[in-house]
C-alpha atoms as a PDB file:
ATOM      1  CA  MET A   1     -38.065 -11.870  -2.651  1.00  0.00           C
ATOM      2  CA  GLY A   2     -34.809  -9.882  -2.501  1.00  0.00           C
ATOM      3  CA  SER A   3     -32.340  -9.229  -5.243  1.00  0.00           C
ATOM      4  CA  ALA A   4     -31.490 -11.695  -7.979  1.00  0.00           C
ATOM      5  CA  PRO A   5     -28.584 -14.004  -7.285  1.00  0.00           C
ATOM      6  CA  ALA A   6     -25.229 -12.957  -8.657  1.00  0.00           C
ATOM      7  CA  LEU A   7     -24.185 -14.367 -12.003  1.00  0.00           C
ATOM      8  CA  ALA A   8     -20.787 -15.363 -10.752  1.00  0.00           C
ATOM      9  CA  ARG A   9     -19.029 -15.490  -7.443  1.00  0.00           C
ATOM     10  CA  VAL A  10     -15.427 -16.373  -7.055  1.00  0.00           C
ATOM     11  CA  THR A  11     -14.765 -17.436  -3.500  1.00  0.00           C
ATOM     12  CA  THR A  12     -11.206 -17.738  -2.380  1.00  0.00           C
ATOM     13  CA  PRO A  13      -9.430 -19.837   0.202  1.00  0.00           C
ATOM     14  CA  HIS A  14      -6.930 -17.103   1.019  1.00  0.00           C
ATOM     15  CA  PRO A  15      -8.185 -13.890   2.634  1.00  0.00           C
ATOM     16  CA  SER A  16      -5.956 -11.624   0.537  1.00  0.00           C
ATOM     17  CA  ALA A  17      -7.562 -12.803  -2.691  1.00  0.00           C
ATOM     18  CA  CYS A  18     -10.496 -10.897  -4.042  1.00  0.00           C
ATOM     19  CA  ARG A  19     -14.100 -12.051  -4.201  1.00  0.00           C
ATOM     20  CA  LEU A  20     -15.962 -11.094  -7.360  1.00  0.00           C
ATOM     21  CA  VAL A  21     -19.686 -10.384  -7.549  1.00  0.00           C
ATOM     22  CA  VAL A  22     -21.237  -9.785 -10.957  1.00  0.00           C
ATOM     23  CA  ARG A  23     -24.671  -8.248 -10.368  1.00  0.00           C
ATOM     24  CA  ARG A  24     -27.730  -8.712 -12.560  1.00  0.00           C
ATOM     25  CA  GLU A  25     -29.445  -5.709 -11.016  1.00  0.00           C
ATOM     26  CA  GLU A  26     -28.213  -2.315  -9.871  1.00  0.00           C
ATOM     27  CA  SER A  27     -28.662  -3.467  -6.269  1.00  0.00           C
ATOM     28  CA  LEU A  28     -25.562  -3.219  -4.080  1.00  0.00           C
ATOM     29  CA  SER A  29     -26.789  -5.560  -1.345  1.00  0.00           C
ATOM     30  CA  ASP A  30     -23.593  -7.689  -1.305  1.00  0.00           C
ATOM     31  CA  VAL A  31     -21.437  -4.562  -1.211  1.00  0.00           C
ATOM     32  CA  ILE A  32     -23.487  -2.968   1.570  1.00  0.00           C
ATOM     33  CA  ARG A  33     -23.289  -6.149   3.643  1.00  0.00           C
ATOM     34  CA  PHE A  34     -19.492  -6.400   3.093  1.00  0.00           C
ATOM     35  CA  VAL A  35     -18.945  -2.740   4.055  1.00  0.00           C
ATOM     36  CA  THR A  36     -21.287  -2.811   7.061  1.00  0.00           C
ATOM     37  CA  GLU A  37     -19.717  -5.978   8.489  1.00  0.00           C
ATOM     38  CA  GLY A  38     -16.255  -4.412   8.275  1.00  0.00           C
ATOM     39  CA  LEU A  39     -17.296  -1.144   9.893  1.00  0.00           C
ATOM     40  CA  GLU A  40     -19.123  -2.959  12.693  1.00  0.00           C
ATOM     41  CA  VAL A  41     -15.952  -4.835  13.701  1.00  0.00           C
ATOM     42  CA  GLY A  42     -13.729  -1.734  13.533  1.00  0.00           C
ATOM     43  CA  GLN A  43     -12.035  -2.316  10.187  1.00  0.00           C
ATOM     44  CA  GLN A  44     -11.197   0.490   7.823  1.00  0.00           C
ATOM     45  CA  VAL A  45     -13.254   0.230   4.637  1.00  0.00           C
ATOM     46  CA  VAL A  46     -12.137   1.745   1.344  1.00  0.00           C
ATOM     47  CA  ALA A  47     -14.681   1.964  -1.480  1.00  0.00           C
ATOM     48  CA  MET A  48     -13.623   2.854  -5.006  1.00  0.00           C
ATOM     49  CA  ALA A  49     -16.573   3.462  -7.312  1.00  0.00           C
ATOM     50  CA  GLY A  50     -18.368   5.978  -9.444  1.00  0.00           C
ATOM     51  CA  PRO A  51     -20.123   8.898  -7.708  1.00  0.00           C
ATOM     52  CA  GLY A  52     -23.625   7.392  -8.009  1.00  0.00           C
ATOM     53  CA  CYS A  53     -22.536   4.136  -6.424  1.00  0.00           C
ATOM     54  CA  LEU A  54     -20.809   5.940  -3.536  1.00  0.00           C
ATOM     55  CA  LYS A  55     -23.922   8.066  -2.886  1.00  0.00           C
ATOM     56  CA  HIS A  56     -26.081   4.943  -2.843  1.00  0.00           C
ATOM     57  CA  LEU A  57     -23.652   3.259  -0.444  1.00  0.00           C
ATOM     58  CA  ALA A  58     -23.605   6.266   1.916  1.00  0.00           C
ATOM     59  CA  ARG A  59     -27.408   6.419   1.915  1.00  0.00           C
ATOM     60  CA  ALA A  60     -27.676   2.682   2.664  1.00  0.00           C
ATOM     61  CA  LEU A  61     -25.172   2.955   5.522  1.00  0.00           C
ATOM     62  CA  GLY A  62     -27.186   5.815   7.005  1.00  0.00           C
ATOM     63  CA  GLU A  63     -30.383   3.803   6.714  1.00  0.00           C
ATOM     64  CA  SER A  64     -28.721   0.935   8.593  1.00  0.00           C
ATOM     65  CA  GLY A  65     -27.918   3.218  11.543  1.00  0.00           C
ATOM     66  CA  LEU A  66     -24.306   4.045  10.715  1.00  0.00           C
ATOM     67  CA  ARG A  67     -23.142   7.633  10.321  1.00  0.00           C
ATOM     68  CA  PRO A  68     -21.291   7.850   6.994  1.00  0.00           C
ATOM     69  CA  ASP A  69     -20.268  11.517   7.471  1.00  0.00           C
ATOM     70  CA  SER A  70     -18.577  10.711  10.764  1.00  0.00           C
ATOM     71  CA  LEU A  71     -16.979   7.536   9.381  1.00  0.00           C
ATOM     72  CA  LEU A  72     -15.625   9.467   6.395  1.00  0.00           C
ATOM     73  CA  HIS A  73     -14.314  12.233   8.665  1.00  0.00           C
ATOM     74  CA  ASN A  74     -12.337   9.854  10.901  1.00  0.00           C
ATOM     75  CA  HIS A  75     -11.151   7.771   7.890  1.00  0.00           C
ATOM     76  CA  ARG A  76     -12.769   4.510   9.023  1.00  0.00           C
ATOM     77  CA  LEU A  77     -14.588   4.804   5.716  1.00  0.00           C
ATOM     78  CA  VAL A  78     -12.732   6.108   2.667  1.00  0.00           C
ATOM     79  CA  PHE A  79     -14.461   6.910  -0.606  1.00  0.00           C
ATOM     80  CA  LEU A  80     -12.323   7.060  -3.749  1.00  0.00           C
ATOM     81  CA  THR A  81     -14.379   8.530  -6.579  1.00  0.00           C
ATOM     82  CA  ALA A  82     -13.711   6.962  -9.966  1.00  0.00           C
ATOM     83  CA  PRO A  83     -12.472   7.671 -12.531  1.00  0.00           C
ATOM     84  CA  ASP A  84     -10.296  10.427 -11.046  1.00  0.00           C
ATOM     85  CA  CYS A  85      -8.974   8.264  -8.212  1.00  0.00           C
ATOM     86  CA  ALA A  86      -7.871   5.538 -10.620  1.00  0.00           C
ATOM     87  CA  LEU A  87      -5.627   7.944 -12.476  1.00  0.00           C
ATOM     88  CA  LYS A  88      -4.221   9.497  -9.282  1.00  0.00           C
ATOM     89  CA  LEU A  89      -3.534   6.159  -7.600  1.00  0.00           C
ATOM     90  CA  GLY A  90      -1.879   4.842 -10.743  1.00  0.00           C
ATOM     91  CA  GLN A  91       0.499   7.819 -10.946  1.00  0.00           C
ATOM     92  CA  LEU A  92       1.823   7.596  -7.381  1.00  0.00           C
ATOM     93  CA  LYS A  93       4.835   5.401  -6.646  1.00  0.00           C
ATOM     94  CA  ASP A  94       3.353   4.682  -3.226  1.00  0.00           C
ATOM     95  CA  PRO A  95      -0.420   4.829  -3.788  1.00  0.00           C
ATOM     96  CA  LEU A  96      -0.993   5.444  -0.090  1.00  0.00           C
ATOM     97  CA  GLN A  97       1.312   8.429   0.302  1.00  0.00           C
ATOM     98  CA  ARG A  98      -1.627  10.807  -0.089  1.00  0.00           C
ATOM     99  CA  ALA A  99      -4.573   8.578   0.584  1.00  0.00           C
ATOM    100  CA  PRO A 100      -6.128   8.323   4.071  1.00  0.00           C
ATOM    101  CA  VAL A 101      -5.616   4.575   4.107  1.00  0.00           C
ATOM    102  CA  ARG A 102      -4.131   3.164   7.300  1.00  0.00           C
ATOM    103  CA  LYS A 103      -1.044   1.083   6.734  1.00  0.00           C
ATOM    104  CA  ASN A 104      -0.743  -0.086  10.328  1.00  0.00           C
ATOM    105  CA  GLY A 105      -4.372  -0.346  11.373  1.00  0.00           C
ATOM    106  CA  PRO A 106      -6.657  -3.328  11.741  1.00  0.00           C
ATOM    107  CA  MET A 107      -7.435  -5.438   8.708  1.00  0.00           C
ATOM    108  CA  MET A 108      -8.755  -3.383   5.830  1.00  0.00           C
ATOM    109  CA  ARG A 109     -11.679  -4.105   3.520  1.00  0.00           C
ATOM    110  CA  TRP A 110     -11.525  -2.789  -0.018  1.00  0.00           C
ATOM    111  CA  VAL A 111     -14.502  -2.564  -2.384  1.00  0.00           C
ATOM    112  CA  SER A 112     -14.104  -1.783  -6.071  1.00  0.00           C
ATOM    113  CA  ASP A 113     -17.171  -1.274  -8.235  1.00  0.00           C
ATOM    114  CA  TRP A 114     -16.006  -1.357 -11.847  1.00  0.00           C
ATOM    115  CA  SER A 115     -19.365  -0.531 -13.468  1.00  0.00           C
ATOM    116  CA  TRP A 116     -18.214   3.048 -14.179  1.00  0.00           C
ATOM    117  CA  ALA A 117     -15.246   1.780 -16.197  1.00  0.00           C
ATOM    118  CA  TYR A 118     -17.159  -0.669 -18.355  1.00  0.00           C
ATOM    119  CA  SER A 119     -20.006   1.786 -18.990  1.00  0.00           C
ATOM    120  CA  ASN A 120     -17.681   4.578 -20.174  1.00  0.00           C
ATOM    121  CA  GLY A 121     -16.414   2.660 -23.186  1.00  0.00           C
ATOM    122  CA  ARG A 122     -12.936   2.172 -21.758  1.00  0.00           C
ATOM    123  CA  ASP A 123     -10.750  -0.520 -23.272  1.00  0.00           C
ATOM    124  CA  PRO A 124     -11.436  -3.733 -21.319  1.00  0.00           C
ATOM    125  CA  ALA A 125      -7.745  -4.693 -21.488  1.00  0.00           C
ATOM    126  CA  VAL A 126      -6.788  -1.422 -19.754  1.00  0.00           C
ATOM    127  CA  ILE A 127      -9.450  -1.976 -17.075  1.00  0.00           C
ATOM    128  CA  LEU A 128      -8.240  -5.525 -16.519  1.00  0.00           C
ATOM    129  CA  GLU A 129      -4.622  -4.363 -16.179  1.00  0.00           C
ATOM    130  CA  TYR A 130      -5.637  -1.776 -13.602  1.00  0.00           C
ATOM    131  CA  GLN A 131      -7.617  -4.415 -11.677  1.00  0.00           C
ATOM    132  CA  HIS A 132      -4.590  -6.711 -11.728  1.00  0.00           C
ATOM    133  CA  ARG A 133      -2.296  -3.947 -10.383  1.00  0.00           C
ATOM    134  CA  LEU A 134      -4.842  -3.107  -7.676  1.00  0.00           C
ATOM    135  CA  HIS A 135      -4.993  -6.755  -6.594  1.00  0.00           C
ATOM    136  CA  GLN A 136      -1.191  -6.884  -6.363  1.00  0.00           C
ATOM    137  CA  PHE A 137      -1.220  -3.726  -4.245  1.00  0.00           C
ATOM    138  CA  LEU A 138      -3.932  -5.058  -1.916  1.00  0.00           C
ATOM    139  CA  ARG A 139      -2.049  -8.330  -1.358  1.00  0.00           C
ATOM    140  CA  SER A 140       0.606  -6.375   0.566  1.00  0.00           C
ATOM    141  CA  PHE A 141      -2.099  -5.454   3.104  1.00  0.00           C
ATOM    142  CA  ASP A 142      -3.639  -8.908   3.330  1.00  0.00           C
ATOM    143  CA  ALA A 143      -6.907  -6.986   2.907  1.00  0.00           C
ATOM    144  CA  LEU A 144     -10.338  -8.474   2.377  1.00  0.00           C
ATOM    145  CA  SER A 145     -11.361  -7.370  -1.084  1.00  0.00           C
ATOM    146  CA  LEU A 146     -14.562  -7.384  -3.102  1.00  0.00           C
ATOM    147  CA  CYS A 147     -14.851  -6.433  -6.763  1.00  0.00           C
ATOM    148  CA  THR A 148     -18.246  -5.932  -8.296  1.00  0.00           C
ATOM    149  CA  VAL A 149     -19.718  -4.885 -11.613  1.00  0.00           C
ATOM    150  CA  HIS A 150     -23.226  -4.630 -13.036  1.00  0.00           C
ATOM    151  CA  CYS A 151     -23.395  -7.296 -15.757  1.00  0.00           C
ATOM    152  CA  ALA A 152     -25.355  -5.075 -18.155  1.00  0.00           C
ATOM    153  CA  LYS A 153     -22.162  -3.028 -18.499  1.00  0.00           C
ATOM    154  CA  LEU A 154     -20.045  -6.044 -19.541  1.00  0.00           C
ATOM    155  CA  GLU A 155     -19.567  -7.791 -22.843  1.00  0.00           C
ATOM    156  CA  ARG A 156     -19.072 -11.547 -22.704  1.00  0.00           C
ATOM    157  CA  ALA A 157     -15.318 -11.348 -23.475  1.00  0.00           C
ATOM    158  CA  SER A 158     -14.809  -8.778 -20.715  1.00  0.00           C
ATOM    159  CA  LEU A 159     -16.733 -10.924 -18.232  1.00  0.00           C
ATOM    160  CA  LEU A 160     -14.621 -13.974 -19.039  1.00  0.00           C
ATOM    161  CA  ALA A 161     -11.381 -11.975 -18.695  1.00  0.00           C
ATOM    162  CA  LEU A 162     -12.579 -10.561 -15.371  1.00  0.00           C
ATOM    163  CA  LEU A 163     -13.411 -14.032 -14.051  1.00  0.00           C
ATOM    164  CA  ALA A 164     -10.042 -15.383 -15.188  1.00  0.00           C
ATOM    165  CA  ASP A 165      -8.160 -12.539 -13.481  1.00  0.00           C
ATOM    166  CA  HIS A 166      -9.972 -13.158 -10.206  1.00  0.00           C
ATOM    167  CA  ARG A 167      -9.239 -16.871 -10.412  1.00  0.00           C
ATOM    168  CA  ARG A 168      -5.538 -16.058 -10.902  1.00  0.00           C
ATOM    169  CA  ALA A 169      -5.672 -13.683  -7.928  1.00  0.00           C
ATOM    170  CA  ALA A 170      -7.244 -16.450  -5.841  1.00  0.00           C
ATOM    171  CA  LYS A 171      -4.524 -18.929  -6.746  1.00  0.00           C
ATOM    172  CA  SER A 172      -1.572 -16.627  -6.189  1.00  0.00           C
ATOM    173  CA  ARG A 173      -0.565 -16.121  -2.595  1.00  0.00           C
ATOM    174  CA  PRO A 174       1.740 -13.408  -1.337  1.00  0.00           C
ATOM    175  CA  THR A 175       5.281 -14.495  -0.690  1.00  0.00           C
ATOM    176  CA  ALA A 176       6.686 -13.802   2.760  1.00  0.00           C
END
């Protein structure tokens, strides 16, 4: 009867805050729905994830009638392959100076799958700091954002820290 419900969802009243989906299964159904809806209304969609996740996403988009190769070519869809992209984006003063992300386009959707980070034995505090910096960066775009992680990759302390960070992101609003 479909995929298992997410363990936790943080919904936010402000569109620039990030929604968090912690998955019980490897299924990316929430991510695929989020990406497809954005592409169908003409938004640019940026997906940062490990290579396996990006391949699965591209295959699912193709199966739903979209043409991922064409979308990637015209930068309506941008894939940032982790972990390399995380290091490169973190080193740039303006993370978009070399990325094909549109600063002046329609609203952007950003997807971050953090499963790669938690499964590679990285320090959860470092991952959380990078997530926090990414959320601050995305606030300047007023982007719709979705973070996701497969719960089998998370320890309880990491899950609680992740939930707390997303709650803080939901409460803080950009200042004009």
